[in-house]
PDB file of N, CA and C in Angstrom:
ATOM      1  N   MET A   1      -2.562 -58.319   9.765  1.00  0.00           N
ATOM      2  CA  MET A   1      -2.056 -57.173   9.065  1.00  0.00           C
ATOM      3  C   MET A   1      -2.898 -56.925   7.811  1.00  0.00           C
ATOM      4  N   PRO A   2      -3.641 -55.792   7.728  1.00  0.00           N
ATOM      5  CA  PRO A   2      -4.480 -55.541   6.560  1.00  0.00           C
ATOM      6  C   PRO A   2      -3.625 -55.108   5.363  1.00  0.00           C
ATOM      7  N   ALA A   3      -4.069 -55.474   4.189  1.00  0.00           N
ATOM      8  CA  ALA A   3      -3.367 -55.090   2.956  1.00  0.00           C
ATOM      9  C   ALA A   3      -3.670 -53.630   2.652  1.00  0.00           C
ATOM     10  N   THR A   4      -2.636 -52.896   2.285  1.00  0.00           N
ATOM     11  CA  THR A   4      -2.838 -51.479   1.961  1.00  0.00           C
ATOM     12  C   THR A   4      -3.087 -51.341   0.469  1.00  0.00           C
ATOM     13  N   LYS A   5      -3.988 -50.454   0.170  1.00  0.00           N
ATOM     14  CA  LYS A   5      -4.309 -50.190  -1.224  1.00  0.00           C
ATOM     15  C   LYS A   5      -3.444 -49.054  -1.755  1.00  0.00           C
ATOM     16  N   ALA A   6      -2.997 -49.198  -2.982  1.00  0.00           N
ATOM     17  CA  ALA A   6      -2.223 -48.131  -3.622  1.00  0.00           C
ATOM     18  C   ALA A   6      -3.184 -47.020  -4.038  1.00  0.00           C
ATOM     19  N   PRO A   7      -2.747 -45.776  -3.985  1.00  0.00           N
ATOM     20  CA  PRO A   7      -3.628 -44.683  -4.418  1.00  0.00           C
ATOM     21  C   PRO A   7      -3.951 -44.833  -5.908  1.00  0.00           C
ATOM     22  N   PRO A   8      -5.144 -44.416  -6.304  1.00  0.00           N
ATOM     23  CA  PRO A   8      -5.500 -44.557  -7.728  1.00  0.00           C
ATOM     24  C   PRO A   8      -4.587 -43.707  -8.606  1.00  0.00           C
ATOM     25  N   ALA A   9      -4.195 -44.285  -9.728  1.00  0.00           N
ATOM     26  CA  ALA A   9      -3.311 -43.571 -10.660  1.00  0.00           C
ATOM     27  C   ALA A   9      -4.103 -42.492 -11.387  1.00  0.00           C
ATOM     28  N   LYS A  10      -3.476 -41.351 -11.571  1.00  0.00           N
ATOM     29  CA  LYS A  10      -4.123 -40.270 -12.305  1.00  0.00           C
ATOM     30  C   LYS A  10      -4.066 -40.594 -13.797  1.00  0.00           C
ATOM     31  N   THR A  11      -5.211 -40.542 -14.426  1.00  0.00           N
ATOM     32  CA  THR A  11      -5.245 -40.846 -15.854  1.00  0.00           C
ATOM     33  C   THR A  11      -5.102 -39.578 -16.686  1.00  0.00           C
ATOM     34  N   ALA A  12      -5.672 -38.491 -16.222  1.00  0.00           N
ATOM     35  CA  ALA A  12      -5.587 -37.237 -16.974  1.00  0.00           C
ATOM     36  C   ALA A  12      -4.522 -36.344 -16.346  1.00  0.00           C
ATOM     37  N   THR A  13      -3.794 -35.657 -17.187  1.00  0.00           N
ATOM     38  CA  THR A  13      -2.784 -34.745 -16.662  1.00  0.00           C
ATOM     39  C   THR A  13      -3.449 -33.438 -16.277  1.00  0.00           C
ATOM     40  N   GLU A  14      -2.907 -32.792 -15.292  1.00  0.00           N
ATOM     41  CA  GLU A  14      -3.455 -31.514 -14.857  1.00  0.00           C
ATOM     42  C   GLU A  14      -3.057 -30.431 -15.857  1.00  0.00           C
ATOM     43  N   PRO A  15      -3.961 -29.511 -16.167  1.00  0.00           N
ATOM     44  CA  PRO A  15      -3.606 -28.454 -17.124  1.00  0.00           C
ATOM     45  C   PRO A  15      -2.517 -27.551 -16.565  1.00  0.00           C
ATOM     46  N   VAL A  16      -1.635 -27.147 -17.432  1.00  0.00           N
ATOM     47  CA  VAL A  16      -0.527 -26.275 -17.048  1.00  0.00           C
ATOM     48  C   VAL A  16      -0.748 -24.927 -17.714  1.00  0.00           C
ATOM     49  N   LEU A  17      -0.695 -23.884 -16.938  1.00  0.00           N
ATOM     50  CA  LEU A  17      -0.852 -22.541 -17.489  1.00  0.00           C
ATOM     51  C   LEU A  17       0.480 -22.087 -18.061  1.00  0.00           C
ATOM     52  N   GLU A  18       0.456 -21.728 -19.337  1.00  0.00           N
ATOM     53  CA  GLU A  18       1.667 -21.269 -20.007  1.00  0.00           C
ATOM     54  C   GLU A  18       1.598 -19.760 -20.206  1.00  0.00           C
ATOM     55  N   ASN A  19       2.731 -19.186 -20.518  1.00  0.00           N
ATOM     56  CA  ASN A  19       2.763 -17.769 -20.886  1.00  0.00           C
ATOM     57  C   ASN A  19       2.300 -17.646 -22.332  1.00  0.00           C
ATOM     58  N   PHE A  20       1.451 -16.671 -22.589  1.00  0.00           N
ATOM     59  CA  PHE A  20       0.960 -16.425 -23.941  1.00  0.00           C
ATOM     60  C   PHE A  20       1.429 -15.061 -24.411  1.00  0.00           C
ATOM     61  N   TYR A  21       1.688 -14.965 -25.721  1.00  0.00           N
ATOM     62  CA  TYR A  21       2.203 -13.737 -26.320  1.00  0.00           C
ATOM     63  C   TYR A  21       1.347 -13.383 -27.525  1.00  0.00           C
ATOM     64  N   ASN A  22       1.075 -12.094 -27.716  1.00  0.00           N
ATOM     65  CA  ASN A  22       0.363 -11.686 -28.921  1.00  0.00           C
ATOM     66  C   ASN A  22       1.343 -11.707 -30.091  1.00  0.00           C
ATOM     67  N   LEU A  23       0.868 -11.295 -31.244  1.00  0.00           N
ATOM     68  CA  LEU A  23       1.666 -11.399 -32.467  1.00  0.00           C
ATOM     69  C   LEU A  23       2.972 -10.614 -32.375  1.00  0.00           C
ATOM     70  N   LYS A  24       2.912  -9.375 -31.908  1.00  0.00           N
ATOM     71  CA  LYS A  24       4.115  -8.540 -31.797  1.00  0.00           C
ATOM     72  C   LYS A  24       5.091  -9.131 -30.790  1.00  0.00           C
ATOM     73  N   GLN A  25       4.587  -9.559 -29.635  1.00  0.00           N
ATOM     74  CA  GLN A  25       5.454 -10.132 -28.607  1.00  0.00           C
ATOM     75  C   GLN A  25       6.088 -11.433 -29.083  1.00  0.00           C
ATOM     76  N   ALA A  26       5.348 -12.203 -29.894  1.00  0.00           N
ATOM     77  CA  ALA A  26       5.884 -13.464 -30.411  1.00  0.00           C
ATOM     78  C   ALA A  26       7.046 -13.215 -31.366  1.00  0.00           C
ATOM     79  N   THR A  27       6.937 -12.173 -32.196  1.00  0.00           N
ATOM     80  CA  THR A  27       8.044 -11.875 -33.110  1.00  0.00           C
ATOM     81  C   THR A  27       9.283 -11.430 -32.335  1.00  0.00           C
ATOM     82  N   VAL A  28       9.080 -10.700 -31.263  1.00  0.00           N
ATOM     83  CA  VAL A  28      10.211 -10.282 -30.430  1.00  0.00           C
ATOM     84  C   VAL A  28      10.824 -11.506 -29.761  1.00  0.00           C
ATOM     85  N   ARG A  29       9.970 -12.398 -29.269  1.00  0.00           N
ATOM     86  CA  ARG A  29      10.441 -13.604 -28.572  1.00  0.00           C
ATOM     87  C   ARG A  29      11.225 -14.523 -29.512  1.00  0.00           C
ATOM     88  N   LEU A  30      10.833 -14.560 -30.802  1.00  0.00           N
ATOM     89  CA  LEU A  30      11.545 -15.375 -31.790  1.00  0.00           C
ATOM     90  C   LEU A  30      12.742 -14.646 -32.397  1.00  0.00           C
ATOM     91  N   ASN A  31      13.039 -13.436 -31.906  1.00  0.00           N
ATOM     92  CA  ASN A  31      14.143 -12.609 -32.398  1.00  0.00           C
ATOM     93  C   ASN A  31      13.989 -12.247 -33.867  1.00  0.00           C
ATOM     94  N   LEU A  32      12.745 -12.065 -34.299  1.00  0.00           N
ATOM     95  CA  LEU A  32      12.485 -11.607 -35.655  1.00  0.00           C
ATOM     96  C   LEU A  32      12.387 -10.098 -35.716  1.00  0.00           C
ATOM     97  N   ALA A  33      12.058  -9.469 -34.590  1.00  0.00           N
ATOM     98  CA  ALA A  33      11.876  -8.023 -34.546  1.00  0.00           C
ATOM     99  C   ALA A  33      12.367  -7.505 -33.201  1.00  0.00           C
ATOM    100  N   THR A  34      12.465  -6.187 -33.116  1.00  0.00           N
ATOM    101  CA  THR A  34      12.836  -5.557 -31.858  1.00  0.00           C
ATOM    102  C   THR A  34      11.560  -5.105 -31.147  1.00  0.00           C
ATOM    103  N   GLU A  35      11.692  -4.569 -29.952  1.00  0.00           N
ATOM    104  CA  GLU A  35      10.527  -4.132 -29.197  1.00  0.00           C
ATOM    105  C   GLU A  35      10.006  -2.773 -29.646  1.00  0.00           C
ATOM    106  N   ASP A  36      10.626  -2.179 -30.637  1.00  0.00           N
ATOM    107  CA  ASP A  36      10.169  -0.908 -31.186  1.00  0.00           C
ATOM    108  C   ASP A  36       8.763  -1.082 -31.772  1.00  0.00           C
ATOM    109  N   PRO A  37       7.787  -0.255 -31.391  1.00  0.00           N
ATOM    110  CA  PRO A  37       6.412  -0.425 -31.894  1.00  0.00           C
ATOM    111  C   PRO A  37       6.280  -0.292 -33.408  1.00  0.00           C
ATOM    112  N   ASP A  38       7.202   0.400 -34.055  1.00  0.00           N
ATOM    113  CA  ASP A  38       7.144   0.561 -35.501  1.00  0.00           C
ATOM    114  C   ASP A  38       7.759  -0.614 -36.256  1.00  0.00           C
ATOM    115  N   ASP A  39       8.433  -1.515 -35.561  1.00  0.00           N
ATOM    116  CA  ASP A  39       9.095  -2.658 -36.186  1.00  0.00           C
ATOM    117  C   ASP A  39       8.069  -3.767 -36.410  1.00  0.00           C
ATOM    118  N   LYS A  40       7.671  -3.974 -37.674  1.00  0.00           N
ATOM    119  CA  LYS A  40       6.632  -4.950 -38.025  1.00  0.00           C
ATOM    120  C   LYS A  40       7.211  -6.233 -38.617  1.00  0.00           C
ATOM    121  N   ARG A  41       8.525  -6.391 -38.586  1.00  0.00           N
ATOM    122  CA  ARG A  41       9.145  -7.564 -39.203  1.00  0.00           C
ATOM    123  C   ARG A  41       8.642  -8.855 -38.562  1.00  0.00           C
ATOM    124  N   GLY A  42       8.360  -9.847 -39.369  1.00  0.00           N
ATOM    125  CA  GLY A  42       7.985 -11.165 -38.894  1.00  0.00           C
ATOM    126  C   GLY A  42       6.497 -11.350 -38.635  1.00  0.00           C
ATOM    127  N   GLN A  43       5.728 -10.282 -38.509  1.00  0.00           N
ATOM    128  CA  GLN A  43       4.315 -10.432 -38.178  1.00  0.00           C
ATOM    129  C   GLN A  43       3.527 -11.049 -39.334  1.00  0.00           C
ATOM    130  N   ASP A  44       3.769 -10.592 -40.534  1.00  0.00           N
ATOM    131  CA  ASP A  44       3.078 -11.147 -41.691  1.00  0.00           C
ATOM    132  C   ASP A  44       3.489 -12.606 -41.912  1.00  0.00           C
ATOM    133  N   TRP A  45       4.747 -12.919 -41.691  1.00  0.00           N
ATOM    134  CA  TRP A  45       5.253 -14.283 -41.842  1.00  0.00           C
ATOM    135  C   TRP A  45       4.554 -15.225 -40.864  1.00  0.00           C
ATOM    136  N   LEU A  46       4.381 -14.796 -39.613  1.00  0.00           N
ATOM    137  CA  LEU A  46       3.677 -15.623 -38.639  1.00  0.00           C
ATOM    138  C   LEU A  46       2.216 -15.802 -39.031  1.00  0.00           C
ATOM    139  N   ARG A  47       1.561 -14.741 -39.476  1.00  0.00           N
ATOM    140  CA  ARG A  47       0.159 -14.839 -39.901  1.00  0.00           C
ATOM    141  C   ARG A  47       0.007 -15.833 -41.055  1.00  0.00           C
ATOM    142  N   ARG A  48       0.901 -15.728 -42.047  1.00  0.00           N
ATOM    143  CA  ARG A  48       0.826 -16.649 -43.188  1.00  0.00           C
ATOM    144  C   ARG A  48       1.085 -18.088 -42.763  1.00  0.00           C
ATOM    145  N   GLY A  49       1.976 -18.305 -41.797  1.00  0.00           N
ATOM    146  CA  GLY A  49       2.244 -19.652 -41.305  1.00  0.00           C
ATOM    147  C   GLY A  49       1.064 -20.252 -40.571  1.00  0.00           C
ATOM    148  N   VAL A  50       0.315 -19.419 -39.878  1.00  0.00           N
ATOM    149  CA  VAL A  50      -0.871 -19.887 -39.162  1.00  0.00           C
ATOM    150  C   VAL A  50      -1.983 -20.227 -40.144  1.00  0.00           C
ATOM    151  N   ASN A  51      -2.096 -19.470 -41.237  1.00  0.00           N
ATOM    152  CA  ASN A  51      -3.197 -19.629 -42.189  1.00  0.00           C
ATOM    153  C   ASN A  51      -2.848 -20.497 -43.388  1.00  0.00           C
ATOM    154  N   ARG A  52      -1.848 -21.339 -43.284  1.00  0.00           N
ATOM    155  CA  ARG A  52      -1.513 -22.233 -44.397  1.00  0.00           C
ATOM    156  C   ARG A  52      -2.652 -23.220 -44.633  1.00  0.00           C
ATOM    157  N   PRO A  53      -2.759 -23.778 -45.860  1.00  0.00           N
ATOM    158  CA  PRO A  53      -3.845 -24.716 -46.159  1.00  0.00           C
ATOM    159  C   PRO A  53      -3.772 -25.967 -45.285  1.00  0.00           C
ATOM    160  N   LEU A  54      -4.937 -26.557 -45.028  1.00  0.00           N
ATOM    161  CA  LEU A  54      -5.009 -27.744 -44.178  1.00  0.00           C
ATOM    162  C   LEU A  54      -4.374 -28.968 -44.829  1.00  0.00           C
ATOM    163  N   ASP A  55      -4.311 -28.995 -46.161  1.00  0.00           N
ATOM    164  CA  ASP A  55      -3.765 -30.173 -46.837  1.00  0.00           C
ATOM    165  C   ASP A  55      -2.245 -30.252 -46.758  1.00  0.00           C
ATOM    166  N   GLY A  56      -1.578 -29.225 -46.249  1.00  0.00           N
ATOM    167  CA  GLY A  56      -0.127 -29.255 -46.093  1.00  0.00           C
ATOM    168  C   GLY A  56       0.636 -28.971 -47.362  1.00  0.00           C
ATOM    169  N   SER A  57      -0.045 -28.463 -48.394  1.00  0.00           N
ATOM    170  CA  SER A  57       0.626 -28.213 -49.663  1.00  0.00           C
ATOM    171  C   SER A  57       1.663 -27.097 -49.557  1.00  0.00           C
ATOM    172  N   LYS A  58       1.481 -26.183 -48.641  1.00  0.00           N
ATOM    173  CA  LYS A  58       2.428 -25.073 -48.466  1.00  0.00           C
ATOM    174  C   LYS A  58       3.289 -25.259 -47.225  1.00  0.00           C
ATOM    175  N   GLY A  59       3.295 -26.455 -46.665  1.00  0.00           N
ATOM    176  CA  GLY A  59       4.061 -26.730 -45.461  1.00  0.00           C
ATOM    177  C   GLY A  59       3.146 -26.855 -44.253  1.00  0.00           C
ATOM    178  N   PRO A  60       3.689 -27.260 -43.127  1.00  0.00           N
ATOM    179  CA  PRO A  60       2.855 -27.444 -41.932  1.00  0.00           C
ATOM    180  C   PRO A  60       2.372 -26.115 -41.373  1.00  0.00           C
ATOM    181  N   ARG A  61       1.183 -26.136 -40.796  1.00  0.00           N
ATOM    182  CA  ARG A  61       0.628 -24.932 -40.174  1.00  0.00           C
ATOM    183  C   ARG A  61       1.330 -24.680 -38.848  1.00  0.00           C
ATOM    184  N   PHE A  62       1.461 -23.418 -38.491  1.00  0.00           N
ATOM    185  CA  PHE A  62       2.051 -23.064 -37.206  1.00  0.00           C
ATOM    186  C   PHE A  62       1.014 -23.267 -36.106  1.00  0.00           C
ATOM    187  N   PRO A  63       1.415 -23.801 -34.954  1.00  0.00           N
ATOM    188  CA  PRO A  63       0.475 -23.927 -33.841  1.00  0.00           C
ATOM    189  C   PRO A  63       0.142 -22.562 -33.255  1.00  0.00           C
ATOM    190  N   VAL A  64      -1.118 -22.363 -32.894  1.00  0.00           N
ATOM    191  CA  VAL A  64      -1.565 -21.062 -32.404  1.00  0.00           C
ATOM    192  C   VAL A  64      -2.832 -21.248 -31.583  1.00  0.00           C
ATOM    193  N   HIS A  65      -3.110 -20.297 -30.727  1.00  0.00           N
ATOM    194  CA  HIS A  65      -4.368 -20.223 -29.991  1.00  0.00           C
ATOM    195  C   HIS A  65      -5.036 -18.927 -30.416  1.00  0.00           C
ATOM    196  N   ARG A  66      -6.342 -18.964 -30.565  1.00  0.00           N
ATOM    197  CA  ARG A  66      -7.089 -17.754 -30.899  1.00  0.00           C
ATOM    198  C   ARG A  66      -7.897 -17.359 -29.679  1.00  0.00           C
ATOM    199  N   MET A  67      -7.556 -16.200 -29.105  1.00  0.00           N
ATOM    200  CA  MET A  67      -8.244 -15.706 -27.916  1.00  0.00           C
ATOM    201  C   MET A  67      -8.659 -14.266 -28.162  1.00  0.00           C
ATOM    202  N   ALA A  68      -9.930 -13.973 -27.936  1.00  0.00           N
ATOM    203  CA  ALA A  68     -10.458 -12.613 -28.065  1.00  0.00           C
ATOM    204  C   ALA A  68     -10.116 -12.018 -29.427  1.00  0.00           C
ATOM    205  N   ASN A  69     -10.301 -12.812 -30.475  1.00  0.00           N
ATOM    206  CA  ASN A  69     -10.023 -12.392 -31.859  1.00  0.00           C
ATOM    207  C   ASN A  69      -8.577 -11.974 -32.079  1.00  0.00           C
ATOM    208  N   GLN A  70      -7.666 -12.562 -31.338  1.00  0.00           N
ATOM    209  CA  GLN A  70      -6.235 -12.308 -31.531  1.00  0.00           C
ATOM    210  C   GLN A  70      -5.511 -13.634 -31.651  1.00  0.00           C
ATOM    211  N   LEU A  71      -4.421 -13.631 -32.396  1.00  0.00           N
ATOM    212  CA  LEU A  71      -3.545 -14.797 -32.441  1.00  0.00           C
ATOM    213  C   LEU A  71      -2.653 -14.746 -31.214  1.00  0.00           C
ATOM    214  N   MET A  72      -2.661 -15.806 -30.424  1.00  0.00           N
ATOM    215  CA  MET A  72      -1.852 -15.872 -29.215  1.00  0.00           C
ATOM    216  C   MET A  72      -0.971 -17.117 -29.302  1.00  0.00           C
ATOM    217  N   PHE A  73       0.295 -16.946 -29.006  1.00  0.00           N
ATOM    218  CA  PHE A  73       1.276 -18.018 -29.087  1.00  0.00           C
ATOM    219  C   PHE A  73       1.791 -18.332 -27.693  1.00  0.00           C
ATOM    220  N   SER A  74       1.807 -19.607 -27.324  1.00  0.00           N
ATOM    221  CA  SER A  74       2.357 -20.007 -26.033  1.00  0.00           C
ATOM    222  C   SER A  74       3.847 -20.302 -26.199  1.00  0.00           C
ATOM    223  N   ASP A  75       4.516 -20.543 -25.085  1.00  0.00           N
ATOM    224  CA  ASP A  75       5.947 -20.868 -25.148  1.00  0.00           C
ATOM    225  C   ASP A  75       6.177 -22.140 -25.957  1.00  0.00           C
ATOM    226  N   SER A  76       5.317 -23.148 -25.758  1.00  0.00           N
ATOM    227  CA  SER A  76       5.487 -24.401 -26.494  1.00  0.00           C
ATOM    228  C   SER A  76       5.189 -24.207 -27.977  1.00  0.00           C
ATOM    229  N   ASP A  77       4.227 -23.330 -28.318  1.00  0.00           N
ATOM    230  CA  ASP A  77       3.950 -23.028 -29.723  1.00  0.00           C
ATOM    231  C   ASP A  77       5.173 -22.401 -30.389  1.00  0.00           C
ATOM    232  N   LEU A  78       5.789 -21.437 -29.720  1.00  0.00           N
ATOM    233  CA  LEU A  78       6.962 -20.766 -30.290  1.00  0.00           C
ATOM    234  C   LEU A  78       8.133 -21.735 -30.439  1.00  0.00           C
ATOM    235  N   ALA A  79       8.260 -22.677 -29.505  1.00  0.00           N
ATOM    236  CA  ALA A  79       9.322 -23.682 -29.610  1.00  0.00           C
ATOM    237  C   ALA A  79       9.082 -24.579 -30.822  1.00  0.00           C
ATOM    238  N   GLN A  80       7.833 -24.954 -31.088  1.00  0.00           N
ATOM    239  CA  GLN A  80       7.516 -25.785 -32.245  1.00  0.00           C
ATOM    240  C   GLN A  80       7.757 -25.026 -33.543  1.00  0.00           C
ATOM    241  N   ILE A  81       7.408 -23.747 -33.577  1.00  0.00           N
ATOM    242  CA  ILE A  81       7.633 -22.934 -34.772  1.00  0.00           C
ATOM    243  C   ILE A  81       9.125 -22.814 -35.049  1.00  0.00           C
ATOM    244  N   ALA A  82       9.904 -22.583 -34.013  1.00  0.00           N
ATOM    245  CA  ALA A  82      11.360 -22.479 -34.190  1.00  0.00           C
ATOM    246  C   ALA A  82      11.931 -23.806 -34.687  1.00  0.00           C
ATOM    247  N   GLU A  83      11.414 -24.921 -34.194  1.00  0.00           N
ATOM    248  CA  GLU A  83      11.885 -26.236 -34.632  1.00  0.00           C
ATOM    249  C   GLU A  83      11.493 -26.493 -36.091  1.00  0.00           C
ATOM    250  N   LEU A  84      10.270 -26.118 -36.476  1.00  0.00           N
ATOM    251  CA  LEU A  84       9.837 -26.282 -37.863  1.00  0.00           C
ATOM    252  C   LEU A  84      10.735 -25.498 -38.812  1.00  0.00           C
ATOM    253  N   MET A  85      11.083 -24.282 -38.433  1.00  0.00           N
ATOM    254  CA  MET A  85      11.890 -23.443 -39.305  1.00  0.00           C
ATOM    255  C   MET A  85      13.355 -23.860 -39.292  1.00  0.00           C
ATOM    256  N   HIS A  86      13.786 -24.539 -38.242  1.00  0.00           N
ATOM    257  CA  HIS A  86      15.164 -25.037 -38.195  1.00  0.00           C
ATOM    258  C   HIS A  86      15.340 -26.187 -39.177  1.00  0.00           C
ATOM    259  N   GLN A  87      14.288 -26.981 -39.368  1.00  0.00           N
ATOM    260  CA  GLN A  87      14.363 -28.147 -40.253  1.00  0.00           C
ATOM    261  C   GLN A  87      14.061 -27.807 -41.703  1.00  0.00           C
ATOM    262  N   LYS A  88      13.611 -26.592 -41.985  1.00  0.00           N
ATOM    263  CA  LYS A  88      13.208 -26.199 -43.330  1.00  0.00           C
ATOM    264  C   LYS A  88      14.431 -26.069 -44.235  1.00  0.00           C
ATOM    265  N   PRO A  89      14.362 -26.661 -45.435  1.00  0.00           N
ATOM    266  CA  PRO A  89      15.476 -26.467 -46.366  1.00  0.00           C
ATOM    267  C   PRO A  89      15.476 -25.042 -46.897  1.00  0.00           C
ATOM    268  N   HIS A  90      16.640 -24.525 -47.169  1.00  0.00           N
ATOM    269  CA  HIS A  90      16.761 -23.167 -47.688  1.00  0.00           C
ATOM    270  C   HIS A  90      16.286 -23.126 -49.135  1.00  0.00           C
ATOM    271  N   GLY A  91      15.721 -22.033 -49.519  1.00  0.00           N
ATOM    272  CA  GLY A  91      15.219 -21.878 -50.876  1.00  0.00           C
ATOM    273  C   GLY A  91      16.315 -21.698 -51.903  1.00  0.00           C
ATOM    274  N   HIS A  92      17.547 -21.536 -51.462  1.00  0.00           N
ATOM    275  CA  HIS A  92      18.652 -21.292 -52.389  1.00  0.00           C
ATOM    276  C   HIS A  92      19.183 -22.577 -52.997  1.00  0.00           C
ATOM    277  N   ASN A  93      18.662 -23.732 -52.599  1.00  0.00           N
ATOM    278  CA  ASN A  93      19.163 -25.003 -53.104  1.00  0.00           C
ATOM    279  C   ASN A  93      18.444 -25.457 -54.364  1.00  0.00           C
ATOM    280  N   LYS A  94      17.517 -24.651 -54.862  1.00  0.00           N
ATOM    281  CA  LYS A  94      16.781 -25.032 -56.053  1.00  0.00           C
ATOM    282  C   LYS A  94      17.687 -24.921 -57.273  1.00  0.00           C
ATOM    283  N   PRO A  95      17.501 -25.814 -58.250  1.00  0.00           N
ATOM    284  CA  PRO A  95      18.314 -25.688 -59.468  1.00  0.00           C
ATOM    285  C   PRO A  95      17.925 -24.438 -60.238  1.00  0.00           C
ATOM    286  N   ARG A  96      18.898 -23.817 -60.834  1.00  0.00           N
ATOM    287  CA  ARG A  96      18.650 -22.584 -61.579  1.00  0.00           C
ATOM    288  C   ARG A  96      18.109 -22.915 -62.963  1.00  0.00           C
ATOM    289  N   ARG A  97      17.177 -22.098 -63.390  1.00  0.00           N
ATOM    290  CA  ARG A  97      16.668 -22.217 -64.754  1.00  0.00           C
ATOM    291  C   ARG A  97      17.599 -21.463 -65.682  1.00  0.00           C
ATOM    292  N   PRO A  98      17.781 -21.955 -66.897  1.00  0.00           N
ATOM    293  CA  PRO A  98      18.609 -21.189 -67.844  1.00  0.00           C
ATOM    294  C   PRO A  98      17.877 -19.912 -68.234  1.00  0.00           C
ATOM    295  N   ARG A  99      18.631 -18.863 -68.444  1.00  0.00           N
ATOM    296  CA  ARG A  99      18.053 -17.581 -68.838  1.00  0.00           C
ATOM    297  C   ARG A  99      17.489 -17.668 -70.243  1.00  0.00           C
ATOM    298  N   ARG A 100      16.383 -16.967 -70.407  1.00  0.00           N
ATOM    299  CA  ARG A 100      15.793 -16.922 -71.739  1.00  0.00           C
ATOM    300  C   ARG A 100      16.596 -15.978 -72.617  1.00  0.00           C
ATOM    301  N   ARG A 101      16.796 -16.396 -73.822  1.00  0.00           N
ATOM    302  CA  ARG A 101      17.500 -15.538 -74.760  1.00  0.00           C
ATOM    303  C   ARG A 101      16.473 -14.689 -75.469  1.00  0.00           C
ATOM    304  N   THR A 102      16.739 -13.449 -75.556  1.00  0.00           N
ATOM    305  CA  THR A 102      15.819 -12.552 -76.263  1.00  0.00           C
ATOM    306  C   THR A 102      16.085 -12.648 -77.764  1.00  0.00           C
ATOM    307  N   ALA A 103      15.025 -12.494 -78.517  1.00  0.00           N
ATOM    308  CA  ALA A 103      15.156 -12.539 -79.974  1.00  0.00           C
ATOM    309  C   ALA A 103      15.866 -11.281 -80.441  1.00  0.00           C
ATOM    310  N   ARG A 104      16.784 -11.456 -81.332  1.00  0.00           N
ATOM    311  CA  ARG A 104      17.503 -10.302 -81.859  1.00  0.00           C
ATOM    312  C   ARG A 104      16.621  -9.559 -82.859  1.00  0.00           C
ATOM    313  N   SER A 105      16.633  -8.273 -82.736  1.00  0.00           N
ATOM    314  CA  SER A 105      15.827  -7.473 -83.662  1.00  0.00           C
ATOM    315  C   SER A 105      16.607  -7.265 -84.968  1.00  0.00           C
ATOM    316  N   SER A 106      15.866  -7.321 -86.059  1.00  0.00           N
ATOM    317  CA  SER A 106      16.519  -7.130 -87.343  1.00  0.00           C
ATOM    318  C   SER A 106      16.295  -5.703 -87.819  1.00  0.00           C
ATOM    319  N   SER A 107      17.137  -4.823 -87.395  1.00  0.00           N
ATOM    320  CA  SER A 107      17.000  -3.442 -87.837  1.00  0.00           C
ATOM    321  C   SER A 107      18.299  -2.920 -88.375  1.00  0.00           C
TER     322      SER A 107
END
C-alpha cells in the first residue's frame, strides 16, 4: 500500500475582488449624504480623513485606494472608517474654559 501525499498547503491567499465606491457613493453608503447630486455632505470630511498626517497627530488616517486620480473606497475600507468613528470620543467632553471678562470702560 503506497503512502499518499497530502496536497501542498496554500501559503498565499487568493485576491478577492471587492466593490469599490467613489467619494460621493462612499458618503451615501456611510449614510452621511443622500443620492441627490447636489448633496455634498461628508465628502470634505472623508477627504480630510484620508489626508491626515502620517505621524497620527490628528488621528488615524482613513484607508483608501487611489485609482485613476480618484479616491476609491472598498467595502472593507468603509467598515474600518465606520469602526474608527464609532470609537472616537465626542468633542463635547472637553472641559470648558472660563469666559474672559471684558475690562469695564471708565466713561
